């Protein structure tokens, strides 16, 4: 009889825990943007031969830097609107000799004046 009480107690706890886990979809979660939010107007300020400090002033610190290649910076942005959709944007900057050489992105257009260096 004692083992039956223990078994029924364990079975009841398993049923309660499994039913509570089904309620997790009801929990409200705050949408928190992560990363660097950039607009096209920010990217339009970039020019070839800008120094790293100038790029930091315009865009801020990148979210990720390649550990094996210090000349590559990644600006990433993720925002979860709901469970089915999320907004992702990325921008990749390449440096050579401490100067900006190229930008690449599927989410941002390259500025028209990018190949015109700033006056030094």
PDB file of N, CA and C in Angstrom:
ATOM      1  N   UNK A   1       0.809  -1.196   0.000  1.00  0.00           N
ATOM      2  CA  UNK A   1       0.000   0.000   0.000  1.00  0.00           C
ATOM      3  C   UNK A   1       0.857   1.266   0.000  1.00  0.00           C
ATOM      4  N   UNK A   2       1.997   1.204   0.708  1.00  0.00           N
ATOM      5  CA  UNK A   2       2.903   2.342   0.776  1.00  0.00           C
ATOM      6  C   UNK A   2       3.460   2.683  -0.606  1.00  0.00           C
ATOM      7  N   UNK A   3       3.822   1.671  -1.396  1.00  0.00           N
ATOM      8  CA  UNK A   3       4.375   1.917  -2.726  1.00  0.00           C
ATOM      9  C   UNK A   3       3.334   2.527  -3.654  1.00  0.00           C
ATOM     10  N   UNK A   4       2.056   2.188  -3.432  1.00  0.00           N
ATOM     11  CA  UNK A   4       0.996   2.755  -4.251  1.00  0.00           C
ATOM     12  C   UNK A   4       0.860   4.264  -4.007  1.00  0.00           C
ATOM     13  N   UNK A   5       1.010   4.707  -2.752  1.00  0.00           N
ATOM     14  CA  UNK A   5       0.944   6.133  -2.429  1.00  0.00           C
ATOM     15  C   UNK A   5       2.107   6.883  -3.077  1.00  0.00           C
ATOM     16  N   UNK A   6       3.294   6.286  -2.992  1.00  0.00           N
ATOM     17  CA  UNK A   6       4.468   6.923  -3.587  1.00  0.00           C
ATOM     18  C   UNK A   6       4.328   6.991  -5.111  1.00  0.00           C
ATOM     19  N   UNK A   7       3.855   5.918  -5.708  1.00  0.00           N
ATOM     20  CA  UNK A   7       3.670   5.888  -7.153  1.00  0.00           C
ATOM     21  C   UNK A   7       2.633   6.916  -7.594  1.00  0.00           C
ATOM     22  N   UNK A   8       1.532   6.996  -6.869  1.00  0.00           N
ATOM     23  CA  UNK A   8       0.489   7.956  -7.238  1.00  0.00           C
ATOM     24  C   UNK A   8       0.969   9.399  -7.035  1.00  0.00           C
ATOM     25  N   UNK A   9       1.798   9.643  -6.021  1.00  0.00           N
ATOM     26  CA  UNK A   9       2.345  10.978  -5.807  1.00  0.00           C
ATOM     27  C   UNK A   9       3.289  11.363  -6.948  1.00  0.00           C
ATOM     28  N   UNK A  10       4.166  10.451  -7.359  1.00  0.00           N
ATOM     29  CA  UNK A  10       5.085  10.711  -8.465  1.00  0.00           C
ATOM     30  C   UNK A  10       4.306  10.906  -9.766  1.00  0.00           C
ATOM     31  N   UNK A  11       3.307  10.080  -9.998  1.00  0.00           N
ATOM     32  CA  UNK A  11       2.501  10.204 -11.212  1.00  0.00           C
ATOM     33  C   UNK A  11       1.756  11.540 -11.232  1.00  0.00           C
ATOM     34  N   UNK A  12       1.249  11.957 -10.109  1.00  0.00           N
ATOM     35  CA  UNK A  12       0.546  13.241 -10.034  1.00  0.00           C
ATOM     36  C   UNK A  12       1.491  14.400 -10.315  1.00  0.00           C
ATOM     37  N   UNK A  13       2.718  14.340  -9.788  1.00  0.00           N
ATOM     38  CA  UNK A  13       3.701  15.402 -10.017  1.00  0.00           C
ATOM     39  C   UNK A  13       4.109  15.461 -11.485  1.00  0.00           C
ATOM     40  N   UNK A  14       4.252  14.300 -12.119  1.00  0.00           N
ATOM     41  CA  UNK A  14       4.596  14.273 -13.539  1.00  0.00           C
ATOM     42  C   UNK A  14       3.479  14.883 -14.371  1.00  0.00           C
ATOM     43  N   UNK A  15       2.252  14.581 -14.059  1.00  0.00           N
ATOM     44  CA  UNK A  15       1.111  15.129 -14.799  1.00  0.00           C
ATOM     45  C   UNK A  15       1.027  16.638 -14.602  1.00  0.00           C
ATOM     46  N   UNK A  16       1.209  17.113 -13.387  1.00  0.00           N
ATOM     47  CA  UNK A  16       1.149  18.554 -13.115  1.00  0.00           C
ATOM     48  C   UNK A  16       2.272  19.285 -13.847  1.00  0.00           C
ATOM     49  N   UNK A  17       3.496  18.765 -13.786  1.00  0.00           N
ATOM     50  CA  UNK A  17       4.631  19.412 -14.452  1.00  0.00           C
ATOM     51  C   UNK A  17       4.451  19.436 -15.966  1.00  0.00           C
ATOM     52  N   UNK A  18       3.969  18.350 -16.537  1.00  0.00           N
ATOM     53  CA  UNK A  18       3.782  18.327 -17.990  1.00  0.00           C
ATOM     54  C   UNK A  18       2.646  19.248 -18.417  1.00  0.00           C
ATOM     55  N   UNK A  19       1.615  19.374 -17.611  1.00  0.00           N
ATOM     56  CA  UNK A  19       0.526  20.282 -17.976  1.00  0.00           C
ATOM     57  C   UNK A  19       0.950  21.743 -17.813  1.00  0.00           C
ATOM     58  N   UNK A  20       1.811  22.041 -16.852  1.00  0.00           N
ATOM     59  CA  UNK A  20       2.302  23.412 -16.692  1.00  0.00           C
ATOM     60  C   UNK A  20       3.228  23.810 -17.836  1.00  0.00           C
ATOM     61  N   UNK A  21       3.974  22.873 -18.366  1.00  0.00           N
ATOM     62  CA  UNK A  21       4.865  23.209 -19.480  1.00  0.00           C
ATOM     63  C   UNK A  21       4.071  23.561 -20.742  1.00  0.00           C
ATOM     64  N   UNK A  22       2.861  23.066 -20.844  1.00  0.00           N
ATOM     65  CA  UNK A  22       2.008  23.411 -21.987  1.00  0.00           C
ATOM     66  C   UNK A  22       1.527  24.855 -21.895  1.00  0.00           C
ATOM     67  N   UNK A  23       1.585  25.447 -20.725  1.00  0.00           N
ATOM     68  CA  UNK A  23       1.139  26.826 -20.538  1.00  0.00           C
ATOM     69  C   UNK A  23       2.209  27.844 -20.903  1.00  0.00           C
ATOM     70  N   UNK A  24       3.377  27.392 -21.282  1.00  0.00           N
ATOM     71  CA  UNK A  24       4.465  28.329 -21.553  1.00  0.00           C
ATOM     72  C   UNK A  24       4.171  29.231 -22.752  1.00  0.00           C
ATOM     73  N   UNK A  25       3.296  28.810 -23.659  1.00  0.00           N
ATOM     74  CA  UNK A  25       2.974  29.655 -24.802  1.00  0.00           C
ATOM     75  C   UNK A  25       2.080  30.825 -24.398  1.00  0.00           C
ATOM     76  N   UNK A  26       1.505  30.789 -23.215  1.00  0.00           N
ATOM     77  CA  UNK A  26       0.656  31.869 -22.742  1.00  0.00           C
ATOM     78  C   UNK A  26       1.457  32.980 -22.077  1.00  0.00           C
ATOM     79  N   UNK A  27       2.696  32.719 -21.772  1.00  0.00           N
ATOM     80  CA  UNK A  27       3.514  33.686 -21.055  1.00  0.00           C
ATOM     81  C   UNK A  27       3.873  34.838 -21.986  1.00  0.00           C
ATOM     82  N   UNK A  28       3.691  36.054 -21.509  1.00  0.00           N
ATOM     83  CA  UNK A  28       4.033  37.236 -22.303  1.00  0.00           C
ATOM     84  C   UNK A  28       5.542  37.440 -22.269  1.00  0.00           C
ATOM     85  N   UNK A  29       6.126  37.650 -23.422  1.00  0.00           N
ATOM     86  CA  UNK A  29       7.559  37.900 -23.513  1.00  0.00           C
ATOM     87  C   UNK A  29       7.770  39.259 -24.173  1.00  0.00           C
ATOM     88  N   UNK A  30       8.623  40.044 -23.578  1.00  0.00           N
ATOM     89  CA  UNK A  30       8.913  41.366 -24.101  1.00  0.00           C
ATOM     90  C   UNK A  30       9.837  41.227 -25.305  1.00  0.00           C
ATOM     91  N   UNK A  31       9.523  41.950 -26.365  1.00  0.00           N
ATOM     92  CA  UNK A  31      10.380  41.956 -27.548  1.00  0.00           C
ATOM     93  C   UNK A  31      11.568  42.867 -27.279  1.00  0.00           C
ATOM     94  N   UNK A  32      12.760  42.287 -27.241  1.00  0.00           N
ATOM     95  CA  UNK A  32      13.958  43.046 -26.942  1.00  0.00           C
ATOM     96  C   UNK A  32      14.853  43.056 -28.175  1.00  0.00           C
ATOM     97  N   UNK A  33      15.109  44.233 -28.746  1.00  0.00           N
ATOM     98  CA  UNK A  33      16.033  44.291 -29.881  1.00  0.00           C
ATOM     99  C   UNK A  33      17.458  44.026 -29.416  1.00  0.00           C
ATOM    100  N   UNK A  34      18.199  43.293 -30.216  1.00  0.00           N
ATOM    101  CA  UNK A  34      19.574  42.952 -29.876  1.00  0.00           C
ATOM    102  C   UNK A  34      20.492  43.355 -31.008  1.00  0.00           C
ATOM    103  N   UNK A  35      21.608  43.964 -30.666  1.00  0.00           N
ATOM    104  CA  UNK A  35      22.602  44.325 -31.667  1.00  0.00           C
ATOM    105  C   UNK A  35      22.577  45.803 -31.986  1.00  0.00           C
ATOM    106  N   UNK A  36      23.124  46.127 -33.147  1.00  0.00           N
ATOM    107  CA  UNK A  36      23.222  47.507 -33.617  1.00  0.00           C
ATOM    108  C   UNK A  36      22.080  47.796 -34.581  1.00  0.00           C
ATOM    109  N   UNK A  37      21.185  48.706 -34.208  1.00  0.00           N
ATOM    110  CA  UNK A  37      20.137  49.126 -35.137  1.00  0.00           C
ATOM    111  C   UNK A  37      20.713  50.231 -36.002  1.00  0.00           C
ATOM    112  N   UNK A  38      20.812  49.987 -37.289  1.00  0.00           N
ATOM    113  CA  UNK A  38      21.334  50.958 -38.239  1.00  0.00           C
ATOM    114  C   UNK A  38      20.267  51.285 -39.260  1.00  0.00           C
ATOM    115  N   UNK A  39      20.246  52.522 -39.687  1.00  0.00           N
ATOM    116  CA  UNK A  39      19.371  52.933 -40.769  1.00  0.00           C
ATOM    117  C   UNK A  39      20.225  53.195 -41.995  1.00  0.00           C
ATOM    118  N   UNK A  40      19.591  53.242 -43.138  1.00  0.00           N
ATOM    119  CA  UNK A  40      20.320  53.499 -44.375  1.00  0.00           C
ATOM    120  C   UNK A  40      21.030  54.846 -44.324  1.00  0.00           C
ATOM    121  N   UNK A  41      20.442  55.829 -43.642  1.00  0.00           N
ATOM    122  CA  UNK A  41      21.077  57.149 -43.527  1.00  0.00           C
ATOM    123  C   UNK A  41      22.401  57.070 -42.769  1.00  0.00           C
ATOM    124  N   UNK A  42      22.526  56.136 -41.822  1.00  0.00           N
ATOM    125  CA  UNK A  42      23.798  55.937 -41.117  1.00  0.00           C
ATOM    126  C   UNK A  42      24.838  55.337 -42.051  1.00  0.00           C
ATOM    127  N   UNK A  43      24.424  54.351 -42.820  1.00  0.00           N
ATOM    128  CA  UNK A  43      25.337  53.668 -43.740  1.00  0.00           C
ATOM    129  C   UNK A  43      25.767  54.625 -44.857  1.00  0.00           C
ATOM    130  N   UNK A  44      24.898  55.549 -45.234  1.00  0.00           N
ATOM    131  CA  UNK A  44      25.223  56.508 -46.297  1.00  0.00           C
ATOM    132  C   UNK A  44      26.365  57.446 -45.923  1.00  0.00           C
ATOM    133  N   UNK A  45      26.693  57.536 -44.656  1.00  0.00           N
ATOM    134  CA  UNK A  45      27.783  58.407 -44.204  1.00  0.00           C
ATOM    135  C   UNK A  45      29.158  57.761 -44.372  1.00  0.00           C
ATOM    136  N   UNK A  46      29.196  56.483 -44.688  1.00  0.00           N
ATOM    137  CA  UNK A  46      30.477  55.781 -44.821  1.00  0.00           C
ATOM    138  C   UNK A  46      31.152  56.132 -46.144  1.00  0.00           C
ATOM    139  N   UNK A  47      32.470  56.243 -46.082  1.00  0.00           N
ATOM    140  CA  UNK A  47      33.288  56.526 -47.271  1.00  0.00           C
ATOM    141  C   UNK A  47      34.523  55.638 -47.246  1.00  0.00           C
ATOM    142  N   UNK A  48      35.030  55.350 -48.414  1.00  0.00           N
ATOM    143  CA  UNK A  48      36.246  54.580 -48.520  1.00  0.00           C
ATOM    144  C   UNK A  48      37.382  55.366 -47.858  1.00  0.00           C
ATOM    145  N   UNK A  49      38.337  54.693 -47.283  1.00  0.00           N
ATOM    146  CA  UNK A  49      39.513  55.245 -46.604  1.00  0.00           C
ATOM    147  C   UNK A  49      39.190  55.928 -45.276  1.00  0.00           C
ATOM    148  N   UNK A  50      37.999  55.712 -44.726  1.00  0.00           N
ATOM    149  CA  UNK A  50      37.720  56.229 -43.381  1.00  0.00           C
ATOM    150  C   UNK A  50      38.528  55.421 -42.375  1.00  0.00           C
ATOM    151  N   UNK A  51      38.981  56.067 -41.318  1.00  0.00           N
ATOM    152  CA  UNK A  51      39.711  55.355 -40.280  1.00  0.00           C
ATOM    153  C   UNK A  51      38.726  54.583 -39.402  1.00  0.00           C
ATOM    154  N   UNK A  52      39.257  53.687 -38.597  1.00  0.00           N
ATOM    155  CA  UNK A  52      38.398  52.920 -37.690  1.00  0.00           C
ATOM    156  C   UNK A  52      37.672  53.847 -36.719  1.00  0.00           C
ATOM    157  N   UNK A  53      38.362  54.875 -36.245  1.00  0.00           N
ATOM    158  CA  UNK A  53      37.756  55.819 -35.310  1.00  0.00           C
ATOM    159  C   UNK A  53      36.593  56.578 -35.951  1.00  0.00           C
ATOM    160  N   UNK A  54      36.742  56.932 -37.217  1.00  0.00           N
ATOM    161  CA  UNK A  54      35.655  57.618 -37.915  1.00  0.00           C
ATOM    162  C   UNK A  54      34.441  56.707 -38.079  1.00  0.00           C
ATOM    163  N   UNK A  55      34.693  55.446 -38.388  1.00  0.00           N
ATOM    164  CA  UNK A  55      33.588  54.484 -38.523  1.00  0.00           C
ATOM    165  C   UNK A  55      32.914  54.275 -37.171  1.00  0.00           C
ATOM    166  N   UNK A  56      33.696  54.194 -36.093  1.00  0.00           N
ATOM    167  CA  UNK A  56      33.122  54.054 -34.755  1.00  0.00           C
ATOM    168  C   UNK A  56      32.251  55.263 -34.409  1.00  0.00           C
ATOM    169  N   UNK A  57      32.670  56.441 -34.816  1.00  0.00           N
ATOM    170  CA  UNK A  57      31.896  57.649 -34.548  1.00  0.00           C
ATOM    171  C   UNK A  57      30.565  57.623 -35.310  1.00  0.00           C
ATOM    172  N   UNK A  58      30.582  57.130 -36.529  1.00  0.00           N
ATOM    173  CA  UNK A  58      29.377  57.127 -37.363  1.00  0.00           C
ATOM    174  C   UNK A  58      28.421  56.003 -36.968  1.00  0.00           C
ATOM    175  N   UNK A  59      28.931  54.780 -36.789  1.00  0.00           N
ATOM    176  CA  UNK A  59      28.070  53.616 -36.576  1.00  0.00           C
ATOM    177  C   UNK A  59      28.062  53.078 -35.148  1.00  0.00           C
ATOM    178  N   UNK A  60      29.048  53.442 -34.361  1.00  0.00           N
ATOM    179  CA  UNK A  60      29.159  52.869 -33.028  1.00  0.00           C
ATOM    180  C   UNK A  60      29.992  51.596 -33.074  1.00  0.00           C
ATOM    181  N   UNK A  61      30.141  50.971 -31.917  1.00  0.00           N
ATOM    182  CA  UNK A  61      30.962  49.765 -31.813  1.00  0.00           C
ATOM    183  C   UNK A  61      30.231  48.572 -32.424  1.00  0.00           C
ATOM    184  N   UNK A  62      30.927  47.766 -33.216  1.00  0.00           N
ATOM    185  CA  UNK A  62      30.264  46.600 -33.822  1.00  0.00           C
ATOM    186  C   UNK A  62      29.927  45.539 -32.778  1.00  0.00           C
ATOM    187  N   UNK A  63      28.893  44.776 -33.075  1.00  0.00           N
ATOM    188  CA  UNK A  63      28.491  43.704 -32.174  1.00  0.00           C
ATOM    189  C   UNK A  63      29.519  42.582 -32.187  1.00  0.00           C
ATOM    190  N   UNK A  64      30.044  42.284 -33.362  1.00  0.00           N
ATOM    191  CA  UNK A  64      30.961  41.150 -33.484  1.00  0.00           C
ATOM    192  C   UNK A  64      32.176  41.536 -34.311  1.00  0.00           C
ATOM    193  N   UNK A  65      33.313  41.058 -33.841  1.00  0.00           N
ATOM    194  CA  UNK A  65      34.546  41.193 -34.607  1.00  0.00           C
ATOM    195  C   UNK A  65      35.092  39.789 -34.801  1.00  0.00           C
ATOM    196  N   UNK A  66      35.594  39.527 -35.976  1.00  0.00           N
ATOM    197  CA  UNK A  66      36.151  38.215 -36.285  1.00  0.00           C
ATOM    198  C   UNK A  66      37.395  38.006 -35.434  1.00  0.00           C
ATOM    199  N   UNK A  67      37.430  36.943 -34.660  1.00  0.00           N
ATOM    200  CA  UNK A  67      38.565  36.675 -33.769  1.00  0.00           C
ATOM    201  C   UNK A  67      39.844  36.382 -34.542  1.00  0.00           C
ATOM    202  N   UNK A  68      39.716  35.886 -35.751  1.00  0.00           N
ATOM    203  CA  UNK A  68      40.889  35.523 -36.535  1.00  0.00           C
ATOM    204  C   UNK A  68      41.255  36.588 -37.570  1.00  0.00           C
ATOM    205  N   UNK A  69      40.362  37.541 -37.768  1.00  0.00           N
ATOM    206  CA  UNK A  69      40.610  38.590 -38.757  1.00  0.00           C
ATOM    207  C   UNK A  69      40.151  39.915 -38.154  1.00  0.00           C
ATOM    208  N   UNK A  70      41.071  40.678 -37.628  1.00  0.00           N
ATOM    209  CA  UNK A  70      40.737  41.953 -36.965  1.00  0.00           C
ATOM    210  C   UNK A  70      40.299  43.028 -37.950  1.00  0.00           C
ATOM    211  N   UNK A  71      40.410  42.744 -39.241  1.00  0.00           N
ATOM    212  CA  UNK A  71      40.039  43.718 -40.261  1.00  0.00           C
ATOM    213  C   UNK A  71      38.603  43.556 -40.745  1.00  0.00           C
ATOM    214  N   UNK A  72      37.815  42.730 -40.077  1.00  0.00           N
ATOM    215  CA  UNK A  72      36.418  42.508 -40.455  1.00  0.00           C
ATOM    216  C   UNK A  72      35.519  42.814 -39.267  1.00  0.00           C
ATOM    217  N   UNK A  73      34.581  43.722 -39.486  1.00  0.00           N
ATOM    218  CA  UNK A  73      33.605  44.075 -38.455  1.00  0.00           C
ATOM    219  C   UNK A  73      32.215  43.692 -38.939  1.00  0.00           C
ATOM    220  N   UNK A  74      31.390  43.200 -38.000  1.00  0.00           N
ATOM    221  CA  UNK A  74      30.016  42.817 -38.308  1.00  0.00           C
ATOM    222  C   UNK A  74      29.058  43.627 -37.448  1.00  0.00           C
ATOM    223  N   UNK A  75      28.128  44.273 -38.096  1.00  0.00           N
ATOM    224  CA  UNK A  75      27.044  44.967 -37.405  1.00  0.00           C
ATOM    225  C   UNK A  75      25.786  44.125 -37.618  1.00  0.00           C
ATOM    226  N   UNK A  76      25.281  43.551 -36.542  1.00  0.00           N
ATOM    227  CA  UNK A  76      24.132  42.650 -36.602  1.00  0.00           C
ATOM    228  C   UNK A  76      22.988  43.224 -35.776  1.00  0.00           C
ATOM    229  N   UNK A  77      21.768  42.950 -36.222  1.00  0.00           N
ATOM    230  CA  UNK A  77      20.579  43.396 -35.515  1.00  0.00           C
ATOM    231  C   UNK A  77      19.515  42.315 -35.620  1.00  0.00           C
ATOM    232  N   UNK A  78      18.919  41.963 -34.479  1.00  0.00           N
ATOM    233  CA  UNK A  78      17.850  40.966 -34.445  1.00  0.00           C
ATOM    234  C   UNK A  78      16.732  41.499 -33.563  1.00  0.00           C
ATOM    235  N   UNK A  79      15.514  41.403 -34.067  1.00  0.00           N
ATOM    236  CA  UNK A  79      14.337  41.800 -33.299  1.00  0.00           C
ATOM    237  C   UNK A  79      13.249  40.764 -33.529  1.00  0.00           C
ATOM    238  N   UNK A  80      12.836  40.098 -32.456  1.00  0.00           N
ATOM    239  CA  UNK A  80      11.788  39.091 -32.547  1.00  0.00           C
ATOM    240  C   UNK A  80      10.439  39.761 -32.380  1.00  0.00           C
ATOM    241  N   UNK A  81       9.682  39.820 -33.476  1.00  0.00           N
ATOM    242  CA  UNK A  81       8.352  40.415 -33.423  1.00  0.00           C
ATOM    243  C   UNK A  81       7.363  39.476 -32.742  1.00  0.00           C
ATOM    244  N   UNK A  82       7.398  38.221 -33.093  1.00  0.00           N
ATOM    245  CA  UNK A  82       6.600  37.195 -32.444  1.00  0.00           C
ATOM    246  C   UNK A  82       7.296  35.862 -32.677  1.00  0.00           C
ATOM    247  N   UNK A  83       6.658  34.792 -32.314  1.00  0.00           N
ATOM    248  CA  UNK A  83       7.314  33.480 -32.395  1.00  0.00           C
ATOM    249  C   UNK A  83       7.573  33.019 -33.836  1.00  0.00           C
ATOM    250  N   UNK A  84       6.768  33.513 -34.784  1.00  0.00           N
ATOM    251  CA  UNK A  84       6.919  33.054 -36.160  1.00  0.00           C
ATOM    252  C   UNK A  84       7.823  33.950 -37.009  1.00  0.00           C
ATOM    253  N   UNK A  85       7.967  35.206 -36.641  1.00  0.00           N
ATOM    254  CA  UNK A  85       8.739  36.106 -37.493  1.00  0.00           C
ATOM    255  C   UNK A  85       9.768  36.872 -36.665  1.00  0.00           C
ATOM    256  N   UNK A  86      10.861  37.166 -37.312  1.00  0.00           N
ATOM    257  CA  UNK A  86      11.869  37.997 -36.690  1.00  0.00           C
ATOM    258  C   UNK A  86      12.524  38.858 -37.753  1.00  0.00           C
ATOM    259  N   UNK A  87      13.026  39.990 -37.336  1.00  0.00           N
ATOM    260  CA  UNK A  87      13.669  40.921 -38.240  1.00  0.00           C
ATOM    261  C   UNK A  87      15.178  40.831 -38.016  1.00  0.00           C
ATOM    262  N   UNK A  88      15.922  40.574 -39.085  1.00  0.00           N
ATOM    263  CA  UNK A  88      17.381  40.465 -39.015  1.00  0.00           C
ATOM    264  C   UNK A  88      18.006  41.390 -40.040  1.00  0.00           C
ATOM    265  N   UNK A  89      19.066  42.081 -39.635  1.00  0.00           N
ATOM    266  CA  UNK A  89      19.829  42.914 -40.552  1.00  0.00           C
ATOM    267  C   UNK A  89      21.304  42.733 -40.232  1.00  0.00           C
ATOM    268  N   UNK A  90      22.124  42.814 -41.270  1.00  0.00           N
ATOM    269  CA  UNK A  90      23.561  42.692 -41.043  1.00  0.00           C
ATOM    270  C   UNK A  90      24.330  43.563 -42.024  1.00  0.00           C
ATOM    271  N   UNK A  91      25.488  44.012 -41.563  1.00  0.00           N
ATOM    272  CA  UNK A  91      26.381  44.834 -42.360  1.00  0.00           C
ATOM    273  C   UNK A  91      27.802  44.376 -42.055  1.00  0.00           C
ATOM    274  N   UNK A  92      28.575  44.158 -43.092  1.00  0.00           N
ATOM    275  CA  UNK A  92      29.954  43.685 -42.936  1.00  0.00           C
ATOM    276  C   UNK A  92      30.900  44.746 -43.488  1.00  0.00           C
ATOM    277  N   UNK A  93      31.880  45.141 -42.678  1.00  0.00           N
ATOM    278  CA  UNK A  93      32.873  46.128 -43.083  1.00  0.00           C
ATOM    279  C   UNK A  93      34.248  45.478 -43.157  1.00  0.00           C
ATOM    280  N   UNK A  94      34.993  45.802 -44.194  1.00  0.00           N
ATOM    281  CA  UNK A  94      36.354  45.296 -44.382  1.00  0.00           C
ATOM    282  C   UNK A  94      37.337  46.463 -44.288  1.00  0.00           C
ATOM    283  N   UNK A  95      38.393  46.261 -43.512  1.00  0.00           N
ATOM    284  CA  UNK A  95      39.451  47.248 -43.366  1.00  0.00           C
ATOM    285  C   UNK A  95      40.755  46.687 -43.918  1.00  0.00           C
ATOM    286  N   UNK A  96      41.607  47.582 -44.384  1.00  0.00           N
ATOM    287  CA  UNK A  96      42.972  47.232 -44.787  1.00  0.00           C
ATOM    288  C   UNK A  96      43.863  48.401 -44.401  1.00  0.00           C
ATOM    289  N   UNK A  97      44.931  48.135 -43.694  1.00  0.00           N
ATOM    290  CA  UNK A  97      45.849  49.173 -43.216  1.00  0.00           C
ATOM    291  C   UNK A  97      45.106  50.240 -42.411  1.00  0.00           C
ATOM    292  N   UNK A  98      44.207  49.785 -41.537  1.00  0.00           N
ATOM    293  CA  UNK A  98      43.449  50.667 -40.641  1.00  0.00           C
ATOM    294  C   UNK A  98      42.486  51.605 -41.368  1.00  0.00           C
ATOM    295  N   UNK A  99      42.173  51.316 -42.630  1.00  0.00           N
ATOM    296  CA  UNK A  99      41.260  52.141 -43.418  1.00  0.00           C
ATOM    297  C   UNK A  99      40.133  51.276 -43.974  1.00  0.00           C
ATOM    298  N   UNK A 100      38.940  51.866 -44.071  1.00  0.00           N
ATOM    299  CA  UNK A 100      37.773  51.155 -44.611  1.00  0.00           C
ATOM    300  C   UNK A 100      37.960  50.923 -46.107  1.00  0.00           C
ATOM    301  N   UNK A 101      37.799  49.671 -46.517  1.00  0.00           N
ATOM    302  CA  UNK A 101      38.004  49.301 -47.913  1.00  0.00           C
ATOM    303  C   UNK A 101      36.684  48.981 -48.598  1.00  0.00           C
ATOM    304  N   UNK A 102      35.822  48.207 -47.923  1.00  0.00           N
ATOM    305  CA  UNK A 102      34.570  47.811 -48.566  1.00  0.00           C
ATOM    306  C   UNK A 102      33.496  47.542 -47.529  1.00  0.00           C
ATOM    307  N   UNK A 103      32.250  47.627 -47.991  1.00  0.00           N
ATOM    308  CA  UNK A 103      31.106  47.240 -47.180  1.00  0.00           C
ATOM    309  C   UNK A 103      30.272  46.268 -47.996  1.00  0.00           C
ATOM    310  N   UNK A 104      29.638  45.345 -47.304  1.00  0.00           N
ATOM    311  CA  UNK A 104      28.766  44.395 -47.991  1.00  0.00           C
ATOM    312  C   UNK A 104      27.564  44.080 -47.097  1.00  0.00           C
ATOM    313  N   UNK A 105      26.410  43.998 -47.743  1.00  0.00           N
ATOM    314  CA  UNK A 105      25.188  43.721 -47.011  1.00  0.00           C
ATOM    315  C   UNK A 105      24.072  43.399 -47.992  1.00  0.00           C
ATOM    316  N   UNK A 106      23.153  42.558 -47.566  1.00  0.00           N
ATOM    317  CA  UNK A 106      21.940  42.300 -48.329  1.00  0.00           C
ATOM    318  C   UNK A 106      20.822  43.225 -47.866  1.00  0.00           C
ATOM    319  N   UNK A 107      20.998  43.851 -46.703  1.00  0.00           N
ATOM    320  CA  UNK A 107      19.953  44.669 -46.110  1.00  0.00           C
ATOM    321  C   UNK A 107      20.138  46.169 -46.336  1.00  0.00           C
ATOM    322  N   UNK A 108      21.365  46.578 -46.621  1.00  0.00           N
ATOM    323  CA  UNK A 108      21.663  47.997 -46.828  1.00  0.00           C
ATOM    324  C   UNK A 108      22.307  48.179 -48.194  1.00  0.00           C
ATOM    325  N   UNK A 109      21.995  49.298 -48.824  1.00  0.00           N
ATOM    326  CA  UNK A 109      22.607  49.603 -50.114  1.00  0.00           C
ATOM    327  C   UNK A 109      23.922  50.333 -49.890  1.00  0.00           C
ATOM    328  N   UNK A 110      24.861  50.096 -50.788  1.00  0.00           N
ATOM    329  CA  UNK A 110      26.129  50.815 -50.703  1.00  0.00           C
ATOM    330  C   UNK A 110      25.875  52.280 -51.068  1.00  0.00           C
ATOM    331  N   UNK A 111      26.426  53.220 -50.292  1.00  0.00           N
ATOM    332  CA  UNK A 111      26.206  54.642 -50.602  1.00  0.00           C
ATOM    333  C   UNK A 111      26.746  55.005 -51.977  1.00  0.00           C
ATOM    334  N   UNK A 112      26.074  55.937 -52.635  1.00  0.00           N
ATOM    335  CA  UNK A 112      26.516  56.376 -53.958  1.00  0.00           C
ATOM    336  C   UNK A 112      27.900  57.014 -53.902  1.00  0.00           C
ATOM    337  N   UNK A 113      28.189  57.727 -52.823  1.00  0.00           N
ATOM    338  CA  UNK A 113      29.457  58.425 -52.670  1.00  0.00           C
ATOM    339  C   UNK A 113      30.506  57.611 -51.929  1.00  0.00           C
ATOM    340  N   UNK A 114      30.295  56.312 -51.788  1.00  0.00           N
ATOM    341  CA  UNK A 114      31.209  55.503 -50.992  1.00  0.00           C
ATOM    342  C   UNK A 114      32.637  55.552 -51.539  1.00  0.00           C
ATOM    343  N   UNK A 115      32.793  55.530 -52.836  1.00  0.00           N
ATOM    344  CA  UNK A 115      34.128  55.500 -53.442  1.00  0.00           C
ATOM    345  C   UNK A 115      34.798  56.873 -53.506  1.00  0.00           C
ATOM    346  N   UNK A 116      34.144  57.895 -52.976  1.00  0.00           N
ATOM    347  CA  UNK A 116      34.740  59.230 -52.906  1.00  0.00           C
ATOM    348  C   UNK A 116      35.258  59.437 -51.484  1.00  0.00           C
ATOM    349  N   UNK A 117      36.579  59.464 -51.293  1.00  0.00           N
ATOM    350  CA  UNK A 117      37.108  59.630 -49.926  1.00  0.00           C
ATOM    351  C   UNK A 117      36.767  60.992 -49.332  1.00  0.00           C
ATOM    352  N   UNK A 118      36.704  61.051 -48.014  1.00  0.00           N
ATOM    353  CA  UNK A 118      36.527  62.325 -47.327  1.00  0.00           C
ATOM    354  C   UNK A 118      37.782  63.144 -47.467  1.00  0.00           C
ATOM    355  N   UNK A 119      37.634  64.461 -47.400  1.00  0.00           N
ATOM    356  CA  UNK A 119      38.812  65.320 -47.451  1.00  0.00           C
ATOM    357  C   UNK A 119      39.568  65.193 -46.135  1.00  0.00           C
ATOM    358  N   UNK A 120      40.853  65.022 -46.220  1.00  0.00           N
ATOM    359  CA  UNK A 120      41.683  64.836 -45.026  1.00  0.00           C
ATOM    360  C   UNK A 120      42.125  66.132 -44.438  1.00  0.00           C
TER     361      UNK A 120
END
